[in-house]
Amino acid sequence: MGILVKIHKGSSEIVAICDKELLGKVFSDGKYELKVSEHFYNGEELNEDKIEKIMKESNNLNIVGENSINLALKLKMIKEENIINIGEVKHAQAVTL
């Protein structure tokens, strides 16, 4: 599956999740630009069970890529209406309080 997960800790925690093959790429649709930077997204490649646990424990997700988005949909962490396309890549953010 090739999904990377990086947890950013600070005043609030953000979990960055992306398809591994998108790392380092830039996507644009004329209005928005998304840089899948190594600094923000390059984390640990995990299996679906570990990703599910992290997603369910987080209240701030930033998700990029077909596989990552499909997993978040399957786990009901996001809804279809949360997904946007930037160029040819899918992106979603989920924040729960």
PDB file of N, CA and C in Angstrom:
ATOM      1  N   MET A   1       0.837  -1.191   0.000  1.00  0.00           N
ATOM      2  CA  MET A   1       0.000   0.000   0.000  1.00  0.00           C
ATOM      3  C   MET A   1       0.884   1.257   0.000  1.00  0.00           C
ATOM      4  N   GLY A   2       1.949   1.302   0.764  1.00  0.00           N
ATOM      5  CA  GLY A   2       2.889   2.401   0.755  1.00  0.00           C
ATOM      6  C   GLY A   2       2.355   3.712   1.286  1.00  0.00           C
ATOM      7  N   ILE A   3       1.923   3.718   2.548  1.00  0.00           N
ATOM      8  CA  ILE A   3       1.415   4.942   3.166  1.00  0.00           C
ATOM      9  C   ILE A   3       2.374   5.372   4.275  1.00  0.00           C
ATOM     10  N   LEU A   4       2.743   6.672   4.236  1.00  0.00           N
ATOM     11  CA  LEU A   4       3.628   7.249   5.245  1.00  0.00           C
ATOM     12  C   LEU A   4       2.817   8.041   6.257  1.00  0.00           C
ATOM     13  N   VAL A   5       3.219   7.951   7.519  1.00  0.00           N
ATOM     14  CA  VAL A   5       2.542   8.674   8.597  1.00  0.00           C
ATOM     15  C   VAL A   5       3.587   9.421   9.414  1.00  0.00           C
ATOM     16  N   LYS A   6       3.351  10.722   9.603  1.00  0.00           N
ATOM     17  CA  LYS A   6       4.241  11.526  10.438  1.00  0.00           C
ATOM     18  C   LYS A   6       3.386  12.307  11.422  1.00  0.00           C
ATOM     19  N   ILE A   7       3.736  12.216  12.687  1.00  0.00           N
ATOM     20  CA  ILE A   7       2.996  12.910  13.740  1.00  0.00           C
ATOM     21  C   ILE A   7       3.794  14.140  14.154  1.00  0.00           C
ATOM     22  N   HIS A   8       3.150  15.302  14.004  1.00  0.00           N
ATOM     23  CA  HIS A   8       3.758  16.568  14.402  1.00  0.00           C
ATOM     24  C   HIS A   8       3.181  16.960  15.752  1.00  0.00           C
ATOM     25  N   LYS A   9       4.047  17.088  16.724  1.00  0.00           N
ATOM     26  CA  LYS A   9       3.598  17.482  18.060  1.00  0.00           C
ATOM     27  C   LYS A   9       3.987  18.928  18.303  1.00  0.00           C
ATOM     28  N   GLY A  10       3.085  19.660  18.915  1.00  0.00           N
ATOM     29  CA  GLY A  10       3.307  21.063  19.226  1.00  0.00           C
ATOM     30  C   GLY A  10       2.171  21.506  20.111  1.00  0.00           C
ATOM     31  N   SER A  11       1.716  22.741  19.922  1.00  0.00           N
ATOM     32  CA  SER A  11       0.573  23.202  20.709  1.00  0.00           C
ATOM     33  C   SER A  11      -0.656  22.350  20.412  1.00  0.00           C
ATOM     34  N   SER A  12      -0.720  21.833  19.187  1.00  0.00           N
ATOM     35  CA  SER A  12      -1.724  20.821  18.853  1.00  0.00           C
ATOM     36  C   SER A  12      -1.051  19.785  17.958  1.00  0.00           C
ATOM     37  N   GLU A  13      -1.562  18.583  17.971  1.00  0.00           N
ATOM     38  CA  GLU A  13      -0.964  17.500  17.203  1.00  0.00           C
ATOM     39  C   GLU A  13      -1.600  17.430  15.814  1.00  0.00           C
ATOM     40  N   ILE A  14      -0.763  17.293  14.793  1.00  0.00           N
ATOM     41  CA  ILE A  14      -1.233  17.102  13.422  1.00  0.00           C
ATOM     42  C   ILE A  14      -0.639  15.804  12.911  1.00  0.00           C
ATOM     43  N   VAL A  15      -1.490  14.949  12.340  1.00  0.00           N
ATOM     44  CA  VAL A  15      -1.021  13.705  11.742  1.00  0.00           C
ATOM     45  C   VAL A  15      -1.051  13.871  10.228  1.00  0.00           C
ATOM     46  N   ALA A  16       0.126  13.796   9.600  1.00  0.00           N
ATOM     47  CA  ALA A  16       0.262  13.906   8.155  1.00  0.00           C
ATOM     48  C   ALA A  16       0.348  12.501   7.570  1.00  0.00           C
ATOM     49  N   ILE A  17      -0.517  12.227   6.596  1.00  0.00           N
ATOM     50  CA  ILE A  17      -0.601  10.896   5.991  1.00  0.00           C
ATOM     51  C   ILE A  17      -0.566  11.066   4.477  1.00  0.00           C
ATOM     52  N   CYS A  18       0.330  10.335   3.810  1.00  0.00           N
ATOM     53  CA  CYS A  18       0.377  10.446   2.348  1.00  0.00           C
ATOM     54  C   CYS A  18       0.828   9.147   1.704  1.00  0.00           C
ATOM     55  N   ASP A  19       0.437   9.014   0.432  1.00  0.00           N
ATOM     56  CA  ASP A  19       0.924   7.902  -0.373  1.00  0.00           C
ATOM     57  C   ASP A  19       2.421   8.115  -0.616  1.00  0.00           C
ATOM     58  N   LYS A  20       3.201   7.098  -0.377  1.00  0.00           N
ATOM     59  CA  LYS A  20       4.664   7.197  -0.431  1.00  0.00           C
ATOM     60  C   LYS A  20       5.170   7.754  -1.761  1.00  0.00           C
ATOM     61  N   GLU A  21       4.564   7.360  -2.875  1.00  0.00           N
ATOM     62  CA  GLU A  21       5.062   7.776  -4.183  1.00  0.00           C
ATOM     63  C   GLU A  21       4.831   9.262  -4.484  1.00  0.00           C
ATOM     64  N   LEU A  22       4.060   9.957  -3.640  1.00  0.00           N
ATOM     65  CA  LEU A  22       3.792  11.375  -3.843  1.00  0.00           C
ATOM     66  C   LEU A  22       4.809  12.279  -3.151  1.00  0.00           C
ATOM     67  N   LEU A  23       5.621  11.701  -2.289  1.00  0.00           N
ATOM     68  CA  LEU A  23       6.579  12.480  -1.507  1.00  0.00           C
ATOM     69  C   LEU A  23       7.504  13.292  -2.418  1.00  0.00           C
ATOM     70  N   GLY A  24       7.617  14.585  -2.117  1.00  0.00           N
ATOM     71  CA  GLY A  24       8.487  15.465  -2.872  1.00  0.00           C
ATOM     72  C   GLY A  24       7.856  16.091  -4.102  1.00  0.00           C
ATOM     73  N   LYS A  25       6.620  15.728  -4.422  1.00  0.00           N
ATOM     74  CA  LYS A  25       5.957  16.253  -5.614  1.00  0.00           C
ATOM     75  C   LYS A  25       5.118  17.488  -5.277  1.00  0.00           C
ATOM     76  N   VAL A  26       4.850  18.274  -6.302  1.00  0.00           N
ATOM     77  CA  VAL A  26       4.034  19.478  -6.168  1.00  0.00           C
ATOM     78  C   VAL A  26       2.856  19.350  -7.128  1.00  0.00           C
ATOM     79  N   PHE A  27       1.661  19.660  -6.629  1.00  0.00           N
ATOM     80  CA  PHE A  27       0.450  19.586  -7.434  1.00  0.00           C
ATOM     81  C   PHE A  27      -0.233  20.945  -7.426  1.00  0.00           C
ATOM     82  N   SER A  28      -0.817  21.314  -8.566  1.00  0.00           N
ATOM     83  CA  SER A  28      -1.474  22.606  -8.673  1.00  0.00           C
ATOM     84  C   SER A  28      -2.673  22.488  -9.599  1.00  0.00           C
ATOM     85  N   ASP A  29      -3.703  23.275  -9.294  1.00  0.00           N
ATOM     86  CA  ASP A  29      -4.868  23.319 -10.175  1.00  0.00           C
ATOM     87  C   ASP A  29      -5.142  24.744 -10.653  1.00  0.00           C
ATOM     88  N   GLY A  30      -4.180  25.629 -10.481  1.00  0.00           N
ATOM     89  CA  GLY A  30      -4.353  27.020 -10.860  1.00  0.00           C
ATOM     90  C   GLY A  30      -4.809  27.885  -9.699  1.00  0.00           C
ATOM     91  N   LYS A  31      -5.615  27.337  -8.832  1.00  0.00           N
ATOM     92  CA  LYS A  31      -6.103  28.065  -7.657  1.00  0.00           C
ATOM     93  C   LYS A  31      -5.307  27.681  -6.408  1.00  0.00           C
ATOM     94  N   TYR A  32      -5.057  26.387  -6.263  1.00  0.00           N
ATOM     95  CA  TYR A  32      -4.345  25.872  -5.091  1.00  0.00           C
ATOM     96  C   TYR A  32      -3.072  25.160  -5.528  1.00  0.00           C
ATOM     97  N   GLU A  33      -2.094  25.163  -4.632  1.00  0.00           N
ATOM     98  CA  GLU A  33      -0.878  24.388  -4.845  1.00  0.00           C
ATOM     99  C   GLU A  33      -0.630  23.554  -3.591  1.00  0.00           C
ATOM    100  N   LEU A  34      -0.294  22.303  -3.785  1.00  0.00           N
ATOM    101  CA  LEU A  34       0.006  21.403  -2.675  1.00  0.00           C
ATOM    102  C   LEU A  34       1.400  20.833  -2.872  1.00  0.00           C
ATOM    103  N   LYS A  35       2.274  21.118  -1.923  1.00  0.00           N
ATOM    104  CA  LYS A  35       3.629  20.580  -1.948  1.00  0.00           C
ATOM    105  C   LYS A  35       3.687  19.443  -0.930  1.00  0.00           C
ATOM    106  N   VAL A  36       3.915  18.240  -1.403  1.00  0.00           N
ATOM    107  CA  VAL A  36       3.999  17.072  -0.526  1.00  0.00           C
ATOM    108  C   VAL A  36       5.455  16.995  -0.042  1.00  0.00           C
ATOM    109  N   SER A  37       5.776  17.906   0.872  1.00  0.00           N
ATOM    110  CA  SER A  37       7.161  18.075   1.306  1.00  0.00           C
ATOM    111  C   SER A  37       7.632  16.951   2.219  1.00  0.00           C
ATOM    112  N   GLU A  38       8.913  16.650   2.094  1.00  0.00           N
ATOM    113  CA  GLU A  38       9.505  15.627   2.953  1.00  0.00           C
ATOM    114  C   GLU A  38       9.471  16.071   4.405  1.00  0.00           C
ATOM    115  N   HIS A  39       9.637  17.370   4.640  1.00  0.00           N
ATOM    116  CA  HIS A  39       9.613  17.880   6.011  1.00  0.00           C
ATOM    117  C   HIS A  39       8.278  17.566   6.700  1.00  0.00           C
ATOM    118  N   PHE A  40       7.187  17.754   5.995  1.00  0.00           N
ATOM    119  CA  PHE A  40       5.874  17.586   6.621  1.00  0.00           C
ATOM    120  C   PHE A  40       5.347  16.152   6.540  1.00  0.00           C
ATOM    121  N   TYR A  41       5.571  15.466   5.418  1.00  0.00           N
ATOM    122  CA  TYR A  41       4.937  14.168   5.186  1.00  0.00           C
ATOM    123  C   TYR A  41       5.846  12.942   5.339  1.00  0.00           C
ATOM    124  N   ASN A  42       7.158  13.110   5.304  1.00  0.00           N
ATOM    125  CA  ASN A  42       8.038  11.936   5.307  1.00  0.00           C
ATOM    126  C   ASN A  42       8.137  11.337   6.699  1.00  0.00           C
ATOM    127  N   GLY A  43       7.293  10.355   6.945  1.00  0.00           N
ATOM    128  CA  GLY A  43       7.267   9.677   8.232  1.00  0.00           C
ATOM    129  C   GLY A  43       7.537   8.203   8.069  1.00  0.00           C
ATOM    130  N   GLU A  44       6.938   7.450   8.930  1.00  0.00           N
ATOM    131  CA  GLU A  44       7.138   6.009   8.956  1.00  0.00           C
ATOM    132  C   GLU A  44       6.106   5.321   8.064  1.00  0.00           C
ATOM    133  N   GLU A  45       6.556   4.340   7.296  1.00  0.00           N
ATOM    134  CA  GLU A  45       5.637   3.541   6.486  1.00  0.00           C
ATOM    135  C   GLU A  45       5.012   2.487   7.402  1.00  0.00           C
ATOM    136  N   LEU A  46       3.706   2.561   7.560  1.00  0.00           N
ATOM    137  CA  LEU A  46       3.008   1.687   8.506  1.00  0.00           C
ATOM    138  C   LEU A  46       1.962   0.831   7.808  1.00  0.00           C
ATOM    139  N   ASN A  47       1.561  -0.247   8.497  1.00  0.00           N
ATOM    140  CA  ASN A  47       0.497  -1.084   7.955  1.00  0.00           C
ATOM    141  C   ASN A  47      -0.866  -0.488   8.313  1.00  0.00           C
ATOM    142  N   GLU A  48      -1.895  -1.019   7.691  1.00  0.00           N
ATOM    143  CA  GLU A  48      -3.242  -0.470   7.846  1.00  0.00           C
ATOM    144  C   GLU A  48      -3.722  -0.464   9.296  1.00  0.00           C
ATOM    145  N   ASP A  49      -3.423  -1.495  10.059  1.00  0.00           N
ATOM    146  CA  ASP A  49      -3.872  -1.559  11.455  1.00  0.00           C
ATOM    147  C   ASP A  49      -3.266  -0.439  12.297  1.00  0.00           C
ATOM    148  N   LYS A  50      -1.973  -0.172  12.112  1.00  0.00           N
ATOM    149  CA  LYS A  50      -1.312   0.895  12.870  1.00  0.00           C
ATOM    150  C   LYS A  50      -1.825   2.266  12.444  1.00  0.00           C
ATOM    151  N   ILE A  51      -2.042   2.436  11.136  1.00  0.00           N
ATOM    152  CA  ILE A  51      -2.571   3.711  10.639  1.00  0.00           C
ATOM    153  C   ILE A  51      -3.966   3.951  11.202  1.00  0.00           C
ATOM    154  N   GLU A  52      -4.786   2.910  11.224  1.00  0.00           N
ATOM    155  CA  GLU A  52      -6.142   3.029  11.776  1.00  0.00           C
ATOM    156  C   GLU A  52      -6.098   3.489  13.229  1.00  0.00           C
ATOM    157  N   LYS A  53      -5.232   2.895  14.026  1.00  0.00           N
ATOM    158  CA  LYS A  53      -5.120   3.271  15.439  1.00  0.00           C
ATOM    159  C   LYS A  53      -4.717   4.743  15.581  1.00  0.00           C
ATOM    160  N   ILE A  54      -3.736   5.169  14.808  1.00  0.00           N
ATOM    161  CA  ILE A  54      -3.275   6.561  14.867  1.00  0.00           C
ATOM    162  C   ILE A  54      -4.386   7.511  14.428  1.00  0.00           C
ATOM    163  N   MET A  55      -5.072   7.184  13.341  1.00  0.00           N
ATOM    164  CA  MET A  55      -6.162   8.041  12.853  1.00  0.00           C
ATOM    165  C   MET A  55      -7.254   8.203  13.906  1.00  0.00           C
ATOM    166  N   LYS A  56      -7.614   7.111  14.522  1.00  0.00           N
ATOM    167  CA  LYS A  56      -8.708   7.153  15.493  1.00  0.00           C
ATOM    168  C   LYS A  56      -8.326   7.891  16.772  1.00  0.00           C
ATOM    169  N   GLU A  57      -7.034   7.975  17.067  1.00  0.00           N
ATOM    170  CA  GLU A  57      -6.579   8.679  18.264  1.00  0.00           C
ATOM    171  C   GLU A  57      -6.289  10.151  17.998  1.00  0.00           C
ATOM    172  N   SER A  58      -6.306  10.549  16.739  1.00  0.00           N
ATOM    173  CA  SER A  58      -5.964  11.923  16.381  1.00  0.00           C
ATOM    174  C   SER A  58      -7.215  12.772  16.191  1.00  0.00           C
ATOM    175  N   ASN A  59      -7.063  14.073  16.393  1.00  0.00           N
ATOM    176  CA  ASN A  59      -8.183  14.971  16.117  1.00  0.00           C
ATOM    177  C   ASN A  59      -7.831  15.973  15.015  1.00  0.00           C
ATOM    178  N   ASN A  60      -6.675  15.763  14.330  1.00  0.00           N
ATOM    179  CA  ASN A  60      -6.283  16.657  13.253  1.00  0.00           C
ATOM    180  C   ASN A  60      -5.495  15.862  12.215  1.00  0.00           C
ATOM    181  N   LEU A  61      -6.155  15.522  11.109  1.00  0.00           N
ATOM    182  CA  LEU A  61      -5.537  14.719  10.057  1.00  0.00           C
ATOM    183  C   LEU A  61      -5.349  15.550   8.797  1.00  0.00           C
ATOM    184  N   ASN A  62      -4.216  15.358   8.130  1.00  0.00           N
ATOM    185  CA  ASN A  62      -3.935  15.965   6.840  1.00  0.00           C
ATOM    186  C   ASN A  62      -3.559  14.805   5.925  1.00  0.00           C
ATOM    187  N   ILE A  63      -4.393  14.525   4.913  1.00  0.00           N
ATOM    188  CA  ILE A  63      -4.291  13.290   4.148  1.00  0.00           C
ATOM    189  C   ILE A  63      -4.141  13.603   2.656  1.00  0.00           C
ATOM    190  N   VAL A  64      -3.167  12.939   1.997  1.00  0.00           N
ATOM    191  CA  VAL A  64      -2.914  13.159   0.575  1.00  0.00           C
ATOM    192  C   VAL A  64      -2.728  11.828  -0.138  1.00  0.00           C
ATOM    193  N   GLY A  65      -3.410  11.669  -1.280  1.00  0.00           N
ATOM    194  CA  GLY A  65      -3.188  10.511  -2.143  1.00  0.00           C
ATOM    195  C   GLY A  65      -4.344   9.526  -2.139  1.00  0.00           C
ATOM    196  N   GLU A  66      -4.474   8.838  -3.238  1.00  0.00           N
ATOM    197  CA  GLU A  66      -5.578   7.897  -3.461  1.00  0.00           C
ATOM    198  C   GLU A  66      -5.668   6.821  -2.381  1.00  0.00           C
ATOM    199  N   ASN A  67      -4.553   6.142  -2.097  1.00  0.00           N
ATOM    200  CA  ASN A  67      -4.575   5.059  -1.099  1.00  0.00           C
ATOM    201  C   ASN A  67      -4.885   5.577   0.299  1.00  0.00           C
ATOM    202  N   SER A  68      -4.259   6.692   0.665  1.00  0.00           N
ATOM    203  CA  SER A  68      -4.469   7.271   1.989  1.00  0.00           C
ATOM    204  C   SER A  68      -5.914   7.745   2.154  1.00  0.00           C
ATOM    205  N   ILE A  69      -6.442   8.417   1.138  1.00  0.00           N
ATOM    206  CA  ILE A  69      -7.832   8.897   1.166  1.00  0.00           C
ATOM    207  C   ILE A  69      -8.796   7.724   1.246  1.00  0.00           C
ATOM    208  N   ASN A  70      -8.563   6.699   0.431  1.00  0.00           N
ATOM    209  CA  ASN A  70      -9.457   5.525   0.446  1.00  0.00           C
ATOM    210  C   ASN A  70      -9.466   4.842   1.808  1.00  0.00           C
ATOM    211  N   LEU A  71      -8.311   4.770   2.460  1.00  0.00           N
ATOM    212  CA  LEU A  71      -8.258   4.175   3.795  1.00  0.00           C
ATOM    213  C   LEU A  71      -9.048   5.030   4.788  1.00  0.00           C
ATOM    214  N   ALA A  72      -8.877   6.344   4.730  1.00  0.00           N
ATOM    215  CA  ALA A  72      -9.615   7.244   5.635  1.00  0.00           C
ATOM    216  C   ALA A  72     -11.126   7.137   5.401  1.00  0.00           C
ATOM    217  N   LEU A  73     -11.539   6.991   4.150  1.00  0.00           N
ATOM    218  CA  LEU A  73     -12.968   6.801   3.848  1.00  0.00           C
ATOM    219  C   LEU A  73     -13.462   5.471   4.414  1.00  0.00           C
ATOM    220  N   LYS A  74     -12.690   4.430   4.198  1.00  0.00           N
ATOM    221  CA  LYS A  74     -13.046   3.088   4.693  1.00  0.00           C
ATOM    222  C   LYS A  74     -13.223   3.088   6.220  1.00  0.00           C
ATOM    223  N   LEU A  75     -12.361   3.845   6.913  1.00  0.00           N
ATOM    224  CA  LEU A  75     -12.407   3.906   8.370  1.00  0.00           C
ATOM    225  C   LEU A  75     -13.397   4.958   8.884  1.00  0.00           C
ATOM    226  N   LYS A  76     -14.067   5.639   7.928  1.00  0.00           N
ATOM    227  CA  LYS A  76     -15.050   6.677   8.259  1.00  0.00           C
ATOM    228  C   LYS A  76     -14.434   7.850   9.030  1.00  0.00           C
ATOM    229  N   MET A  77     -13.170   8.159   8.698  1.00  0.00           N
ATOM    230  CA  MET A  77     -12.485   9.292   9.316  1.00  0.00           C
ATOM    231  C   MET A  77     -12.774  10.586   8.555  1.00  0.00           C
ATOM    232  N   ILE A  78     -13.149  10.440   7.270  1.00  0.00           N
ATOM    233  CA  ILE A  78     -13.539  11.576   6.445  1.00  0.00           C
ATOM    234  C   ILE A  78     -14.767  11.181   5.634  1.00  0.00           C
ATOM    235  N   LYS A  79     -15.406  12.172   5.059  1.00  0.00           N
ATOM    236  CA  LYS A  79     -16.531  11.945   4.155  1.00  0.00           C
ATOM    237  C   LYS A  79     -16.125  12.410   2.767  1.00  0.00           C
ATOM    238  N   GLU A  80     -16.829  11.918   1.752  1.00  0.00           N
ATOM    239  CA  GLU A  80     -16.539  12.300   0.367  1.00  0.00           C
ATOM    240  C   GLU A  80     -16.483  13.814   0.197  1.00  0.00           C
ATOM    241  N   GLU A  81     -17.391  14.531   0.883  1.00  0.00           N
ATOM    242  CA  GLU A  81     -17.449  15.988   0.722  1.00  0.00           C
ATOM    243  C   GLU A  81     -16.240  16.703   1.330  1.00  0.00           C
ATOM    244  N   ASN A  82     -15.423  15.990   2.120  1.00  0.00           N
ATOM    245  CA  ASN A  82     -14.196  16.569   2.685  1.00  0.00           C
ATOM    246  C   ASN A  82     -13.024  16.526   1.712  1.00  0.00           C
ATOM    247  N   ILE A  83     -13.186  15.810   0.597  1.00  0.00           N
ATOM    248  CA  ILE A  83     -12.080  15.577  -0.328  1.00  0.00           C
ATOM    249  C   ILE A  83     -12.072  16.641  -1.421  1.00  0.00           C
ATOM    250  N   ILE A  84     -10.882  17.198  -1.672  1.00  0.00           N
ATOM    251  CA  ILE A  84     -10.713  18.103  -2.804  1.00  0.00           C
ATOM    252  C   ILE A  84      -9.633  17.536  -3.721  1.00  0.00           C
ATOM    253  N   ASN A  85      -9.706  17.902  -4.973  1.00  0.00           N
ATOM    254  CA  ASN A  85      -8.668  17.528  -5.931  1.00  0.00           C
ATOM    255  C   ASN A  85      -7.821  18.756  -6.210  1.00  0.00           C
ATOM    256  N   ILE A  86      -6.520  18.593  -6.034  1.00  0.00           N
ATOM    257  CA  ILE A  86      -5.576  19.649  -6.381  1.00  0.00           C
ATOM    258  C   ILE A  86      -4.715  19.061  -7.487  1.00  0.00           C
ATOM    259  N   GLY A  87      -4.943  19.536  -8.699  1.00  0.00           N
ATOM    260  CA  GLY A  87      -4.312  18.876  -9.838  1.00  0.00           C
ATOM    261  C   GLY A  87      -4.855  17.470  -9.910  1.00  0.00           C
ATOM    262  N   GLU A  88      -3.969  16.500 -10.013  1.00  0.00           N
ATOM    263  CA  GLU A  88      -4.418  15.106 -10.099  1.00  0.00           C
ATOM    264  C   GLU A  88      -4.337  14.344  -8.773  1.00  0.00           C
ATOM    265  N   VAL A  89      -4.213  15.066  -7.660  1.00  0.00           N
ATOM    266  CA  VAL A  89      -4.089  14.386  -6.370  1.00  0.00           C
ATOM    267  C   VAL A  89      -5.262  14.747  -5.457  1.00  0.00           C
ATOM    268  N   LYS A  90      -5.689  13.755  -4.673  1.00  0.00           N
ATOM    269  CA  LYS A  90      -6.761  13.967  -3.696  1.00  0.00           C
ATOM    270  C   LYS A  90      -6.166  14.416  -2.366  1.00  0.00           C
ATOM    271  N   HIS A  91      -6.884  15.322  -1.702  1.00  0.00           N
ATOM    272  CA  HIS A  91      -6.426  15.856  -0.427  1.00  0.00           C
ATOM    273  C   HIS A  91      -7.633  16.040   0.489  1.00  0.00           C
ATOM    274  N   ALA A  92      -7.447  15.784   1.768  1.00  0.00           N
ATOM    275  CA  ALA A  92      -8.521  16.021   2.756  1.00  0.00           C
ATOM    276  C   ALA A  92      -7.890  16.384   4.084  1.00  0.00           C
ATOM    277  N   GLN A  93      -8.638  17.181   4.815  1.00  0.00           N
ATOM    278  CA  GLN A  93      -8.272  17.493   6.192  1.00  0.00           C
ATOM    279  C   GLN A  93      -9.465  17.137   7.062  1.00  0.00           C
ATOM    280  N   ALA A  94      -9.170  16.595   8.209  1.00  0.00           N
ATOM    281  CA  ALA A  94     -10.235  16.261   9.164  1.00  0.00           C
ATOM    282  C   ALA A  94      -9.815  16.772  10.526  1.00  0.00           C
ATOM    283  N   VAL A  95     -10.671  17.594  11.103  1.00  0.00           N
ATOM    284  CA  VAL A  95     -10.406  18.142  12.437  1.00  0.00           C
ATOM    285  C   VAL A  95     -11.619  17.865  13.301  1.00  0.00           C
ATOM    286  N   THR A  96     -11.390  17.216  14.429  1.00  0.00           N
ATOM    287  CA  THR A  96     -12.460  16.977  15.390  1.00  0.00           C
ATOM    288  C   THR A  96     -12.034  17.564  16.726  1.00  0.00           C
ATOM    289  N   LEU A  97     -12.985  18.051  17.445  1.00  0.00           N
ATOM    290  CA  LEU A  97     -12.676  18.654  18.742  1.00  0.00           C
ATOM    291  C   LEU A  97     -13.192  17.820  19.873  1.00  0.00           C
TER     292      LEU A  97
END
